[in-house]
Amino acid sequence: MKINLKFLLLLLTTSAAQANSVTGVPSFVVECPGKFLVQADQDGPVLINNKEAETKAINDRRFEAKGSGITLSIVLADDDSVTVTSIGKAPNGVCESVDD
């Protein structure tokens, strides 16, 4: 019984850690209107001001991330460039790429 409980706990922990990982999310760092920073590693998660956002795939090249009162539209173009737009409590608009 102890082994089953340990396995179940491990399974739940692993699932929670990958809850906001979405296959296909591109890697990017942008600053959006209202001066908030958005970043993502390949396949997520998406972070808004260092807080993990709830992310979902619309299709293979479009994603939506929500968090901190902001909704982001993330679009991966055919040339693999990324466009991020924001709506919500901050001013709406197109986010600008941040150089590392």
C-alpha atoms as a PDB file:
ATOM      1  CA  MET A   1       0.000   0.000   0.000  1.00  0.00           C
ATOM      2  CA  LYS A   2       2.874   2.380   0.827  1.00  0.00           C
ATOM      3  CA  ILE A   3       4.393   1.839  -2.609  1.00  0.00           C
ATOM      4  CA  ASN A   4       1.075   2.618  -4.306  1.00  0.00           C
ATOM      5  CA  LEU A   5       0.721   5.870  -2.343  1.00  0.00           C
ATOM      6  CA  LYS A   6       4.282   6.930  -3.167  1.00  0.00           C
ATOM      7  CA  PHE A   7       3.701   6.193  -6.855  1.00  0.00           C
ATOM      8  CA  LEU A   8       0.428   8.151  -6.851  1.00  0.00           C
ATOM      9  CA  LEU A   9       2.094  11.119  -5.136  1.00  0.00           C
ATOM     10  CA  LEU A  10       4.971  11.049  -7.636  1.00  0.00           C
ATOM     11  CA  LEU A  11       2.520  10.890 -10.544  1.00  0.00           C
ATOM     12  CA  LEU A  12       0.507  13.845  -9.220  1.00  0.00           C
ATOM     13  CA  THR A  13       3.644  15.910  -8.612  1.00  0.00           C
ATOM     14  CA  THR A  14       4.924  15.246 -12.130  1.00  0.00           C
ATOM     15  CA  SER A  15       1.557  16.137 -13.661  1.00  0.00           C
ATOM     16  CA  ALA A  16       1.357  19.390 -11.702  1.00  0.00           C
ATOM     17  CA  ALA A  17       4.866  20.409 -12.738  1.00  0.00           C
ATOM     18  CA  GLN A  18       3.947  19.965 -16.402  1.00  0.00           C
ATOM     19  CA  ALA A  19       0.438  21.428 -16.132  1.00  0.00           C
ATOM     20  CA  ASN A  20       1.267  24.586 -18.080  1.00  0.00           C
ATOM     21  CA  SER A  21       3.763  23.070 -20.482  1.00  0.00           C
ATOM     22  CA  VAL A  22       2.204  23.223 -23.926  1.00  0.00           C
ATOM     23  CA  THR A  23       3.895  21.486 -26.838  1.00  0.00           C
ATOM     24  CA  GLY A  24       4.740  23.936 -29.600  1.00  0.00           C
ATOM     25  CA  VAL A  25       4.973  27.127 -27.537  1.00  0.00           C
ATOM     26  CA  PRO A  26       7.978  28.996 -28.983  1.00  0.00           C
ATOM     27  CA  SER A  27      10.827  30.446 -26.955  1.00  0.00           C
ATOM     28  CA  PHE A  28      10.595  34.254 -26.636  1.00  0.00           C
ATOM     29  CA  VAL A  29      11.079  37.282 -24.375  1.00  0.00           C
ATOM     30  CA  VAL A  30       8.907  40.368 -24.967  1.00  0.00           C
ATOM     31  CA  GLU A  31       7.816  43.511 -23.151  1.00  0.00           C
ATOM     32  CA  CYS A  32       4.147  44.366 -23.539  1.00  0.00           C
ATOM     33  CA  PRO A  33       2.351  47.731 -23.211  1.00  0.00           C
ATOM     34  CA  GLY A  34       2.134  48.606 -19.530  1.00  0.00           C
ATOM     35  CA  LYS A  35       5.773  47.545 -19.055  1.00  0.00           C
ATOM     36  CA  PHE A  36       5.227  43.904 -18.166  1.00  0.00           C
ATOM     37  CA  LEU A  37       7.683  41.202 -19.178  1.00  0.00           C
ATOM     38  CA  VAL A  38       6.535  37.990 -20.862  1.00  0.00           C
ATOM     39  CA  GLN A  39       8.840  35.056 -21.487  1.00  0.00           C
ATOM     40  CA  ALA A  40       8.632  31.417 -22.457  1.00  0.00           C
ATOM     41  CA  ASP A  41      10.983  28.548 -23.060  1.00  0.00           C
ATOM     42  CA  GLN A  42      10.307  26.109 -25.887  1.00  0.00           C
ATOM     43  CA  ASP A  43       7.100  24.176 -25.041  1.00  0.00           C
ATOM     44  CA  GLY A  44       6.285  26.509 -22.131  1.00  0.00           C
ATOM     45  CA  PRO A  45       5.432  27.498 -19.555  1.00  0.00           C
ATOM     46  CA  VAL A  46       4.658  31.138 -20.360  1.00  0.00           C
ATOM     47  CA  LEU A  47       5.607  33.568 -17.583  1.00  0.00           C
ATOM     48  CA  ILE A  48       4.026  37.010 -17.108  1.00  0.00           C
ATOM     49  CA  ASN A  49       6.240  39.079 -14.782  1.00  0.00           C
ATOM     50  CA  ASN A  50       7.767  35.797 -13.548  1.00  0.00           C
ATOM     51  CA  LYS A  51       4.369  34.269 -12.683  1.00  0.00           C
ATOM     52  CA  GLU A  52       3.267  31.182 -14.571  1.00  0.00           C
ATOM     53  CA  ALA A  53       0.308  31.810 -16.875  1.00  0.00           C
ATOM     54  CA  GLU A  54      -2.423  29.344 -17.805  1.00  0.00           C
ATOM     55  CA  THR A  55      -1.560  28.440 -21.387  1.00  0.00           C
ATOM     56  CA  LYS A  56      -3.462  26.540 -24.060  1.00  0.00           C
ATOM     57  CA  ALA A  57      -2.916  25.703 -27.708  1.00  0.00           C
ATOM     58  CA  ILE A  58      -5.488  27.056 -30.151  1.00  0.00           C
ATOM     59  CA  ASN A  59      -3.775  25.183 -32.997  1.00  0.00           C
ATOM     60  CA  ASP A  60      -0.189  24.247 -33.967  1.00  0.00           C
ATOM     61  CA  ARG A  61       0.846  27.889 -34.405  1.00  0.00           C
ATOM     62  CA  ARG A  62      -1.492  29.871 -32.116  1.00  0.00           C
ATOM     63  CA  PHE A  63      -1.519  29.893 -28.325  1.00  0.00           C
ATOM     64  CA  GLU A  64      -3.312  31.788 -25.583  1.00  0.00           C
ATOM     65  CA  ALA A  65      -1.893  32.555 -22.153  1.00  0.00           C
ATOM     66  CA  LYS A  66      -3.810  34.118 -19.247  1.00  0.00           C
ATOM     67  CA  GLY A  67      -2.531  35.481 -15.973  1.00  0.00           C
ATOM     68  CA  SER A  68      -2.218  38.613 -13.839  1.00  0.00           C
ATOM     69  CA  GLY A  69      -5.387  40.044 -15.445  1.00  0.00           C
ATOM     70  CA  ILE A  70      -3.833  39.856 -18.913  1.00  0.00           C
ATOM     71  CA  THR A  71      -4.640  37.667 -21.925  1.00  0.00           C
ATOM     72  CA  LEU A  72      -1.889  37.065 -24.474  1.00  0.00           C
ATOM     73  CA  SER A  73      -2.219  35.887 -28.044  1.00  0.00           C
ATOM     74  CA  ILE A  74       0.967  34.148 -29.207  1.00  0.00           C
ATOM     75  CA  VAL A  75       1.324  33.490 -32.938  1.00  0.00           C
ATOM     76  CA  LEU A  76       4.166  31.566 -34.574  1.00  0.00           C
ATOM     77  CA  ALA A  77       4.510  32.689 -38.226  1.00  0.00           C
ATOM     78  CA  ASP A  78       5.604  30.454 -41.108  1.00  0.00           C
ATOM     79  CA  ASP A  79       9.110  31.975 -40.883  1.00  0.00           C
ATOM     80  CA  ASP A  80       9.152  31.008 -37.154  1.00  0.00           C
ATOM     81  CA  SER A  81       8.968  34.627 -35.980  1.00  0.00           C
ATOM     82  CA  VAL A  82       6.768  35.182 -32.931  1.00  0.00           C
ATOM     83  CA  THR A  83       4.104  37.875 -32.492  1.00  0.00           C
ATOM     84  CA  VAL A  84       2.639  38.454 -29.035  1.00  0.00           C
ATOM     85  CA  THR A  85      -0.318  40.771 -28.407  1.00  0.00           C
ATOM     86  CA  SER A  86      -1.931  41.592 -25.089  1.00  0.00           C
ATOM     87  CA  ILE A  87      -5.342  42.646 -23.817  1.00  0.00           C
ATOM     88  CA  GLY A  88      -6.481  43.193 -20.258  1.00  0.00           C
ATOM     89  CA  LYS A  89      -5.769  45.471 -17.321  1.00  0.00           C
ATOM     90  CA  ALA A  90      -2.667  46.983 -18.961  1.00  0.00           C
ATOM     91  CA  PRO A  91      -2.878  48.922 -22.249  1.00  0.00           C
ATOM     92  CA  ASN A  92      -3.720  46.614 -25.160  1.00  0.00           C
ATOM     93  CA  GLY A  93      -1.231  46.204 -27.987  1.00  0.00           C
ATOM     94  CA  VAL A  94       1.635  44.429 -29.667  1.00  0.00           C
ATOM     95  CA  CYS A  95       4.498  43.334 -27.448  1.00  0.00           C
ATOM     96  CA  GLU A  96       8.082  44.268 -28.362  1.00  0.00           C
ATOM     97  CA  SER A  97      10.975  41.806 -28.500  1.00  0.00           C
ATOM     98  CA  VAL A  98      13.559  42.229 -25.734  1.00  0.00           C
ATOM     99  CA  ASP A  99      17.230  41.784 -26.614  1.00  0.00           C
ATOM    100  CA  ASP A 100      19.101  39.551 -24.177  1.00  0.00           C
END
